[in-house]
Amino acid sequence: MNTLYFGDNLEVLRDSIADASVDLVYLDPPFNSGANYNIIFQPEKKSAAKATAQIQAFEDTWTWSAEADETYRRFVIDRDLTSQPPGERLIKLMTSMREYLGETPMMAYLTMMAPRLLELRRVLKDTGSIYLHCDPTASHYLKMLMDGVFGGEHFVNEIDWRRTGAHNSTRSFGAIHDVILFYSKSSNHTFNILRRPYMKRHVESRYEKTSDGRMRFTSGGNVLTGAGATAGDSAKPWRGFDPAAKGRHWAVPSFYESLMPVSYRDLISTQKLEALYQAHLITIDGTSVWPTMVRFLDERDGTPIQDMWAYQPYTEGAVWGTDKGIDSDVAWLGPTDPDRLGYPTQKPQGLLERIVQASSNEGDVVLDPFCGCGTAVAAAQKLDRQWVASTSRTCLSMSSPAG
């Protein structure tokens, strides 16, 4: 592992990446934007001829050429991929899409992507996930391809990431977001809940500082029961409180598990309540309708991250426990950002770290088959993951984490 391949990623996938060997795939392929992107280095004169093919980082301009037609024919007409489980389904989809799109640049782009997505499904473990980074010009077509390869039932999220502060247009709303399509190989995929800090005003309105400096939850309310009467232990009375009499049932928050011994998880509802009461994590004041939980603000607390990832400028100071703004970890790179390497579609490392943390664990294998300047590799390296990457768009010297 920790290998960077230089060459056609389809050949690399087929020849060098074993079945079910990867835990997480992140790919940021060309978007069919119609633009050509150039790298910034100047090759030495003595190696100029050898470097000619590397001068252009990638050509994001697609046309229906003889090569595209040949690829489509091998893929659909000759059916050389039907041995893989979703091959037949994908072939039917590609046939329908060509009838709709015709021999267009978009169809050429999708013809390039389809066999690569099929190979990425092959190399993923059953617990694995794939994040496809694209823009709205192609995201809806790519989502159809992803449904064809992974199955619509394995679509997890469509994440909108704010890629810039503003984009002026006289004939439309400013386009400032990219789309990240999140699919899993199976329903048993790895997923770690990530949280962003609470807003400062939320903490000030719901917590109070105790004499020892901790922030205690004070908003009260009934957080230990859920709506609807149920059968079993969750409906039984405990210390004079009867949830069934009020059409409710005990629903002890799962966050208590991190505060209690491992054996706590095996207890039934009323036993959990008693254990928490004895640990002074539930109080009964004699006047409240329900028992009250005792909870102090922890540095791990916060709001689970949702599917909108958007840095909000000028929110510094509004977030509890930090001087950074909302979603500052996934903020776009400005023109003068010191982390910029000169690669035109470079993504912030924090964006990749969020993906790697959510869908893999330490020691897992992360694959980036469209490695540009190595951001996914850098995130994997920092977070103690193994990594594999393939690049044909940039010289090796630009990928500093791998080089």
Protein backbone atom coordinates (compact mmCIF):
# COMPACT_ATOMS: atom_id res chain seq x y z
CA MET A 1 0.00 0.00 0.00
CA ASN A 2 0.91 3.72 0.00
CA THR A 3 1.53 3.46 -3.73
CA LEU A 4 1.20 6.09 -6.45
CA TYR A 5 0.67 4.73 -9.97
CA PHE A 6 1.33 6.82 -13.05
CA GLY A 7 -0.78 5.86 -16.06
CA ASP A 8 -4.30 5.17 -17.26
CA ASN A 9 -6.33 4.56 -14.12
CA LEU A 10 -8.52 1.98 -15.86
CA GLU A 11 -5.47 -0.14 -16.59
CA VAL A 12 -4.14 0.44 -13.06
CA LEU A 13 -7.43 -0.68 -11.53
CA ARG A 14 -7.63 -3.80 -13.68
CA ASP A 15 -3.98 -4.82 -13.37
CA SER A 16 -2.91 -3.69 -9.91
CA ILE A 17 -5.86 -3.37 -7.50
CA ALA A 18 -7.25 -6.61 -6.06
CA ASP A 19 -10.91 -7.44 -5.54
CA ALA A 20 -12.44 -6.15 -2.29
CA SER A 21 -9.17 -4.57 -1.10
CA VAL A 22 -10.23 -0.94 -0.59
CA ASP A 23 -12.24 0.59 2.24
CA LEU A 24 -12.90 4.04 0.80
CA VAL A 25 -12.79 5.54 -2.69
CA TYR A 26 -12.70 9.27 -3.33
CA LEU A 27 -12.60 10.41 -6.93
CA ASP A 28 -12.55 13.90 -8.34
CA PRO A 29 -12.62 13.24 -12.09
CA PRO A 30 -12.70 15.88 -14.81
CA PHE A 31 -16.14 17.48 -14.76
CA ASN A 32 -16.74 17.83 -18.50
CA SER A 33 -16.35 21.55 -17.96
CA GLY A 34 -15.05 22.25 -21.45
CA ALA A 35 -11.80 23.73 -20.09
CA ASN A 36 -8.19 22.62 -20.38
CA TYR A 37 -6.07 22.82 -17.24
CA ASN A 38 -2.31 23.23 -17.22
CA ILE A 39 0.17 22.51 -14.48
CA ILE A 40 2.55 25.19 -13.34
CA PHE A 41 6.00 23.59 -13.41
CA GLN A 42 8.58 24.18 -16.11
CA PRO A 43 10.41 21.00 -17.19
CA GLU A 44 14.16 21.03 -17.46
CA LYS A 45 15.38 21.32 -21.05
CA LYS A 46 17.09 17.96 -20.98
CA SER A 47 13.83 16.22 -20.09
CA ALA A 48 11.46 18.44 -22.05
CA ALA A 49 10.62 15.81 -24.64
CA LYS A 50 9.81 13.23 -22.00
CA ALA A 51 7.68 15.71 -20.10
CA THR A 52 5.63 16.86 -23.09
CA ALA A 53 2.72 14.55 -22.22
CA GLN A 54 2.73 15.85 -18.66
CA ILE A 55 2.62 19.57 -19.39
CA GLN A 56 -1.16 19.61 -19.59
CA ALA A 57 -2.55 18.45 -16.27
CA PHE A 58 -5.72 17.21 -17.92
CA GLU A 59 -7.96 18.06 -20.79
CA ASP A 60 -11.50 18.45 -19.56
CA THR A 61 -12.91 18.79 -23.07
CA TRP A 62 -14.83 15.80 -24.35
CA THR A 63 -15.90 14.95 -27.88
CA TRP A 64 -17.52 11.90 -29.40
CA SER A 65 -14.49 10.56 -31.21
CA ALA A 66 -13.49 7.27 -32.76
CA GLU A 67 -11.93 6.36 -29.41
CA ALA A 68 -15.17 7.08 -27.54
CA ASP A 69 -17.13 5.05 -30.07
CA GLU A 70 -14.71 2.14 -29.72
CA THR A 71 -14.94 2.26 -25.93
CA TYR A 72 -18.72 2.32 -26.10
CA ARG A 73 -18.75 -0.58 -28.57
CA ARG A 74 -16.49 -2.73 -26.36
CA PHE A 75 -18.50 -1.85 -23.31
CA VAL A 76 -22.03 -2.12 -24.67
CA ILE A 77 -22.03 -3.97 -27.97
CA ASP A 78 -19.30 -6.53 -27.28
CA ARG A 79 -20.32 -6.64 -23.60
CA ASP A 80 -16.89 -7.34 -22.19
CA LEU A 81 -17.98 -6.33 -18.67
CA THR A 82 -21.10 -8.44 -18.16
CA SER A 83 -19.12 -10.89 -16.02
CA GLN A 84 -19.29 -8.37 -13.18
CA PRO A 85 -22.57 -8.37 -11.21
CA PRO A 86 -24.05 -5.02 -12.30
CA GLY A 87 -22.66 -5.19 -15.84
CA GLU A 88 -25.91 -6.13 -17.58
CA ARG A 89 -27.87 -3.45 -15.75
CA LEU A 90 -25.26 -0.83 -16.58
CA ILE A 91 -25.22 -1.82 -20.25
CA LYS A 92 -28.99 -1.29 -20.48
CA LEU A 93 -28.59 2.10 -18.84
CA MET A 94 -25.79 3.15 -21.18
CA THR A 95 -27.84 2.09 -24.20
CA SER A 96 -30.77 4.22 -23.04
CA MET A 97 -28.54 7.19 -22.28
CA ARG A 98 -26.98 7.11 -25.74
CA GLU A 99 -30.44 7.05 -27.30
CA TYR A 100 -31.30 10.14 -25.28
CA LEU A 101 -28.00 12.06 -25.48
CA GLY A 102 -26.75 10.94 -28.88
CA GLU A 103 -23.09 11.14 -29.85
CA THR A 104 -22.44 14.19 -27.70
CA PRO A 105 -19.59 15.35 -25.46
CA MET A 106 -21.61 14.35 -22.41
CA MET A 107 -22.06 10.83 -23.74
CA ALA A 108 -18.32 10.64 -24.43
CA TYR A 109 -17.66 11.68 -20.84
CA LEU A 110 -20.06 9.09 -19.42
CA THR A 111 -18.56 6.41 -21.65
CA MET A 112 -15.18 7.18 -20.10
CA MET A 113 -16.59 7.04 -16.56
CA ALA A 114 -18.75 3.90 -16.76
CA PRO A 115 -16.08 1.18 -16.94
CA ARG A 116 -14.02 2.94 -14.26
CA LEU A 117 -16.96 3.03 -11.86
CA LEU A 118 -17.52 -0.66 -12.46
CA GLU A 119 -13.89 -1.39 -11.58
CA LEU A 120 -14.16 0.77 -8.46
CA ARG A 121 -17.12 -1.29 -7.30
CA ARG A 122 -15.05 -4.44 -7.78
CA VAL A 123 -12.14 -3.22 -5.63
CA LEU A 124 -14.35 -1.96 -2.78
CA LYS A 125 -14.91 -4.12 0.28
CA ASP A 126 -18.49 -4.88 1.27
CA THR A 127 -18.09 -2.38 4.11
CA GLY A 128 -16.66 0.23 1.76
CA SER A 129 -17.96 3.54 0.45
CA ILE A 130 -17.32 5.74 -2.56
CA TYR A 131 -17.51 9.53 -2.83
CA LEU A 132 -17.74 10.92 -6.36
CA HIS A 133 -16.95 14.63 -6.55
CA CYS A 134 -18.51 16.41 -9.53
CA ASP A 135 -20.37 19.57 -10.47
CA PRO A 136 -24.03 20.18 -11.40
CA THR A 137 -23.37 20.01 -15.14
CA ALA A 138 -22.87 16.26 -14.94
CA SER A 139 -24.01 15.22 -11.45
CA HIS A 140 -27.47 14.04 -12.52
CA TYR A 141 -26.04 11.82 -15.26
CA LEU A 142 -23.33 10.50 -12.97
CA LYS A 143 -25.93 9.71 -10.34
CA MET A 144 -27.70 7.52 -12.87
CA LEU A 145 -24.41 5.74 -13.57
CA MET A 146 -23.81 5.29 -9.86
CA ASP A 147 -27.30 3.84 -9.47
CA GLY A 148 -26.52 1.48 -12.32
CA VAL A 149 -23.23 0.34 -10.81
CA PHE A 150 -23.96 0.31 -7.06
CA GLY A 151 -27.76 0.12 -7.06
CA GLY A 152 -30.10 2.92 -6.10
CA GLU A 153 -30.64 1.28 -2.73
CA HIS A 154 -27.01 2.00 -1.88
CA PHE A 155 -27.24 5.73 -2.48
CA VAL A 156 -26.43 7.35 0.87
CA ASN A 157 -26.18 11.13 0.39
CA GLU A 158 -25.85 13.92 -2.10
CA ILE A 159 -23.56 16.42 -0.39
CA ASP A 160 -23.40 20.03 -1.51
CA TRP A 161 -20.01 21.62 -0.89
CA ARG A 162 -19.52 25.38 -1.21
CA ARG A 163 -16.50 25.70 -3.49
CA THR A 164 -16.21 29.49 -3.66
CA GLY A 165 -17.44 32.68 -2.07
CA ALA A 166 -19.28 34.10 -5.07
CA HIS A 167 -19.77 33.62 -8.79
CA ASN A 168 -21.36 36.46 -10.66
CA SER A 169 -23.73 35.76 -13.51
CA THR A 170 -26.10 38.08 -15.36
CA ARG A 171 -28.44 35.31 -16.51
CA SER A 172 -28.63 32.91 -13.54
CA PHE A 173 -28.07 32.54 -9.82
CA GLY A 174 -24.38 32.28 -8.98
CA ALA A 175 -23.10 28.71 -9.15
CA ILE A 176 -20.98 28.27 -6.02
CA HIS A 177 -21.31 24.59 -5.09
CA ASP A 178 -20.02 21.20 -6.15
CA VAL A 179 -21.86 17.91 -5.69
CA ILE A 180 -20.39 14.90 -3.87
CA LEU A 181 -22.29 11.65 -4.46
CA PHE A 182 -21.90 9.23 -1.55
CA TYR A 183 -22.68 5.55 -2.23
CA SER A 184 -21.91 2.38 -0.29
CA LYS A 185 -21.06 -1.13 -1.47
CA SER A 186 -23.64 -2.60 0.92
CA SER A 187 -25.91 -1.62 3.79
CA ASN A 188 -23.12 -2.59 6.19
CA HIS A 189 -20.81 0.27 5.26
CA THR A 190 -18.47 1.98 7.70
CA PHE A 191 -19.75 5.33 8.93
CA ASN A 192 -18.52 7.40 11.84
CA ILE A 193 -20.76 10.25 12.97
CA LEU A 194 -18.91 13.54 12.81
CA ARG A 195 -20.05 16.63 14.69
CA ARG A 196 -19.54 20.35 14.28
CA PRO A 197 -19.38 22.51 17.43
CA TYR A 198 -22.58 24.01 18.80
CA MET A 199 -23.27 27.64 18.09
CA LYS A 200 -22.26 29.93 20.95
CA ARG A 201 -25.78 31.27 21.50
CA HIS A 202 -27.15 27.71 21.66
CA VAL A 203 -24.78 26.87 24.51
CA GLU A 204 -25.51 30.13 26.33
CA SER A 205 -29.27 29.50 26.13
CA ARG A 206 -29.23 25.84 27.18
CA TYR A 207 -26.30 25.49 29.56
CA GLU A 208 -25.12 27.23 32.70
CA LYS A 209 -21.63 27.37 34.15
CA THR A 210 -21.24 25.53 37.46
CA SER A 211 -18.89 26.44 40.28
CA ASP A 212 -16.26 24.06 38.94
CA GLY A 213 -16.31 25.74 35.53
CA ARG A 214 -18.25 23.08 33.64
CA MET A 215 -21.28 23.83 31.46
CA ARG A 216 -24.37 21.97 32.68
CA PHE A 217 -27.38 21.33 30.44
CA THR A 218 -30.34 23.25 31.88
CA SER A 219 -33.07 23.41 29.26
CA GLY A 220 -34.83 20.51 30.96
CA GLY A 221 -37.75 19.03 29.10
CA ASN A 222 -38.63 15.42 28.64
CA VAL A 223 -35.64 13.83 26.93
CA LEU A 224 -35.80 10.40 28.58
CA THR A 225 -39.00 9.19 26.91
CA GLY A 226 -40.31 8.88 23.37
CA ALA A 227 -43.76 9.26 21.88
CA GLY A 228 -46.07 6.23 21.79
CA ALA A 229 -46.74 3.47 24.27
CA THR A 230 -44.85 0.24 23.65
CA ALA A 231 -44.79 -3.25 25.09
CA GLY A 232 -41.97 -4.64 27.18
CA ASP A 233 -39.63 -3.07 29.68
CA SER A 234 -39.60 0.36 28.01
CA ALA A 235 -43.25 0.81 29.08
CA LYS A 236 -42.83 -0.23 32.73
CA PRO A 237 -42.96 2.26 35.61
CA TRP A 238 -39.71 3.33 37.28
CA ARG A 239 -39.45 5.16 40.63
CA GLY A 240 -43.04 6.33 40.40
CA PHE A 241 -42.92 7.48 36.77
CA ASP A 242 -45.22 5.58 34.40
CA PRO A 243 -44.60 6.40 30.73
CA ALA A 244 -47.39 4.14 29.42
CA ALA A 245 -49.98 6.13 31.42
CA LYS A 246 -49.07 9.16 29.31
CA GLY A 247 -48.82 7.30 26.02
CA ARG A 248 -45.03 7.26 26.03
CA HIS A 249 -42.12 4.87 26.56
CA TRP A 250 -38.61 5.08 28.03
CA ALA A 251 -36.04 6.12 25.39
CA VAL A 252 -32.72 6.60 27.15
CA PRO A 253 -30.31 8.68 24.99
CA SER A 254 -27.45 6.63 23.60
CA PHE A 255 -24.82 9.24 24.51
CA TYR A 256 -24.91 7.88 28.09
CA GLU A 257 -23.10 4.76 26.81
CA SER A 258 -19.86 6.74 26.56
CA LEU A 259 -20.17 7.74 30.23
CA MET A 260 -21.00 4.34 31.70
CA PRO A 261 -19.20 0.97 31.99
CA VAL A 262 -19.37 -1.39 29.01
CA SER A 263 -21.83 -3.63 30.87
CA TYR A 264 -24.34 -0.76 30.84
CA ARG A 265 -25.16 -1.43 27.18
CA ASP A 266 -26.63 -4.85 28.01
CA LEU A 267 -29.12 -3.48 30.55
CA ILE A 268 -32.84 -3.12 29.84
CA SER A 269 -34.44 0.32 29.92
CA THR A 270 -35.42 0.51 33.59
CA GLN A 271 -32.07 -0.95 34.65
CA LYS A 272 -30.31 1.75 32.63
CA LEU A 273 -32.39 4.43 34.33
CA GLU A 274 -31.51 3.07 37.75
CA ALA A 275 -27.81 2.80 36.89
CA LEU A 276 -27.80 6.41 35.68
CA TYR A 277 -29.67 7.55 38.80
CA GLN A 278 -27.11 5.86 41.05
CA ALA A 279 -24.32 7.50 39.02
CA HIS A 280 -25.96 10.92 39.60
CA LEU A 281 -26.61 11.31 35.88
CA ILE A 282 -30.40 11.48 36.44
CA THR A 283 -32.06 13.56 39.15
CA ILE A 284 -35.55 13.54 40.65
CA ASP A 285 -36.43 16.86 42.23
CA GLY A 286 -39.95 15.93 43.43
CA THR A 287 -41.67 18.62 41.36
CA SER A 288 -40.94 17.71 37.72
CA VAL A 289 -43.31 15.51 35.75
CA TRP A 290 -40.38 13.45 34.54
CA PRO A 291 -36.89 12.67 35.86
CA THR A 292 -34.24 15.07 34.61
CA MET A 293 -31.00 14.07 32.96
CA VAL A 294 -27.70 15.49 34.14
CA ARG A 295 -25.38 16.36 31.30
CA PHE A 296 -22.30 18.51 30.99
CA LEU A 297 -20.98 19.95 27.76
CA ASP A 298 -18.15 17.83 26.42
CA GLU A 299 -15.60 18.79 23.78
CA ARG A 300 -16.96 15.90 21.67
CA ASP A 301 -20.49 17.32 21.77
CA GLY A 302 -21.97 19.12 18.83
CA THR A 303 -24.44 18.91 16.00
CA PRO A 304 -24.07 15.90 13.67
CA ILE A 305 -22.82 17.09 10.30
CA GLN A 306 -25.57 17.24 7.68
CA ASP A 307 -25.38 17.12 3.87
CA MET A 308 -24.68 20.83 3.32
CA TRP A 309 -20.97 21.61 3.75
CA ALA A 310 -20.63 25.35 3.45
CA TYR A 311 -18.11 27.61 5.12
CA GLN A 312 -19.78 30.83 6.30
CA PRO A 313 -17.42 33.81 6.20
CA TYR A 314 -17.52 36.29 9.07
CA THR A 315 -19.02 33.80 11.54
CA GLU A 316 -15.80 33.72 13.54
CA GLY A 317 -16.69 34.03 17.22
CA ALA A 318 -20.20 32.63 16.72
CA VAL A 319 -19.14 29.02 17.29
CA TRP A 320 -18.68 27.63 20.80
CA GLY A 321 -15.15 26.77 21.87
CA THR A 322 -13.34 28.06 18.81
CA ASP A 323 -12.44 31.30 17.10
CA LYS A 324 -13.09 29.75 13.69
CA GLY A 325 -16.23 30.18 11.63
CA ILE A 326 -18.95 27.72 10.64
CA ASP A 327 -17.54 24.84 8.57
CA SER A 328 -14.13 26.49 8.46
CA ASP A 329 -12.51 23.05 8.13
CA VAL A 330 -13.98 22.68 4.63
CA ALA A 331 -13.51 26.29 3.52
CA TRP A 332 -12.53 26.76 -0.12
CA LEU A 333 -9.01 27.81 -1.01
CA GLY A 334 -8.74 31.49 -1.86
CA PRO A 335 -6.46 32.79 -4.65
CA THR A 336 -3.71 33.69 -2.18
CA ASP A 337 -4.20 30.77 0.22
CA PRO A 338 -0.76 29.55 1.39
CA ASP A 339 -1.86 25.93 0.86
CA ARG A 340 -2.39 26.45 -2.86
CA LEU A 341 -0.04 24.40 -5.05
CA GLY A 342 -1.09 25.96 -8.34
CA TYR A 343 -3.35 23.08 -9.35
CA PRO A 344 -6.53 24.69 -10.71
CA THR A 345 -9.06 22.28 -9.19
CA GLN A 346 -7.27 21.72 -5.87
CA LYS A 347 -9.58 20.89 -2.96
CA PRO A 348 -8.93 21.88 0.68
CA GLN A 349 -7.41 19.13 2.76
CA GLY A 350 -10.08 19.60 5.43
CA LEU A 351 -12.74 18.50 2.95
CA LEU A 352 -10.92 15.23 2.35
CA GLU A 353 -10.20 14.74 6.04
CA ARG A 354 -13.92 14.98 6.77
CA ILE A 355 -14.67 12.27 4.19
CA VAL A 356 -11.84 10.01 5.34
CA GLN A 357 -12.82 10.33 9.01
CA ALA A 358 -16.49 9.61 8.30
CA SER A 359 -16.09 6.55 6.09
CA SER A 360 -12.91 4.79 7.21
CA ASN A 361 -10.94 3.86 10.30
CA GLU A 362 -7.23 3.91 11.12
CA GLY A 363 -5.33 1.38 9.02
CA ASP A 364 -8.02 1.25 6.30
CA VAL A 365 -7.15 1.66 2.64
CA VAL A 366 -8.15 4.84 0.79
CA LEU A 367 -8.06 4.93 -3.02
CA ASP A 368 -7.98 8.03 -5.22
CA PRO A 369 -8.04 6.93 -8.89
CA PHE A 370 -7.99 10.51 -10.25
CA CYS A 371 -5.20 11.86 -8.08
CA GLY A 372 -4.43 15.46 -8.94
CA CYS A 373 -2.17 17.25 -6.46
CA GLY A 374 -2.50 14.57 -3.78
CA THR A 375 -4.99 16.10 -1.33
CA ALA A 376 -6.78 12.80 -0.65
CA VAL A 377 -3.41 11.12 -0.16
CA ALA A 378 -2.32 13.84 2.28
CA ALA A 379 -5.56 13.44 4.27
CA ALA A 380 -5.17 9.65 4.40
CA GLN A 381 -1.54 9.92 5.47
CA LYS A 382 -2.35 12.42 8.22
CA LEU A 383 -5.18 10.27 9.59
CA ASP A 384 -3.13 7.03 9.65
CA ARG A 385 -4.84 5.36 6.71
CA GLN A 386 -3.12 3.42 3.97
CA TRP A 387 -3.55 4.81 0.48
CA VAL A 388 -3.36 3.98 -3.20
CA ALA A 389 -3.58 6.60 -5.94
CA SER A 390 -3.37 6.82 -9.69
CA THR A 391 -2.46 9.87 -11.72
CA SER A 392 -1.99 10.60 -15.40
CA ARG A 393 -2.78 14.30 -15.20
CA THR A 394 0.16 15.74 -13.32
CA CYS A 395 3.84 15.18 -12.76
CA LEU A 396 4.88 13.19 -9.73
CA SER A 397 6.66 16.15 -8.16
CA MET A 398 3.35 17.96 -7.62
CA SER A 399 2.04 15.20 -5.37
CA SER A 400 4.16 16.11 -2.36
CA PRO A 401 2.50 13.72 0.14
CA ALA A 402 3.34 10.78 -2.09
CA GLY A 403 6.62 12.03 -3.51
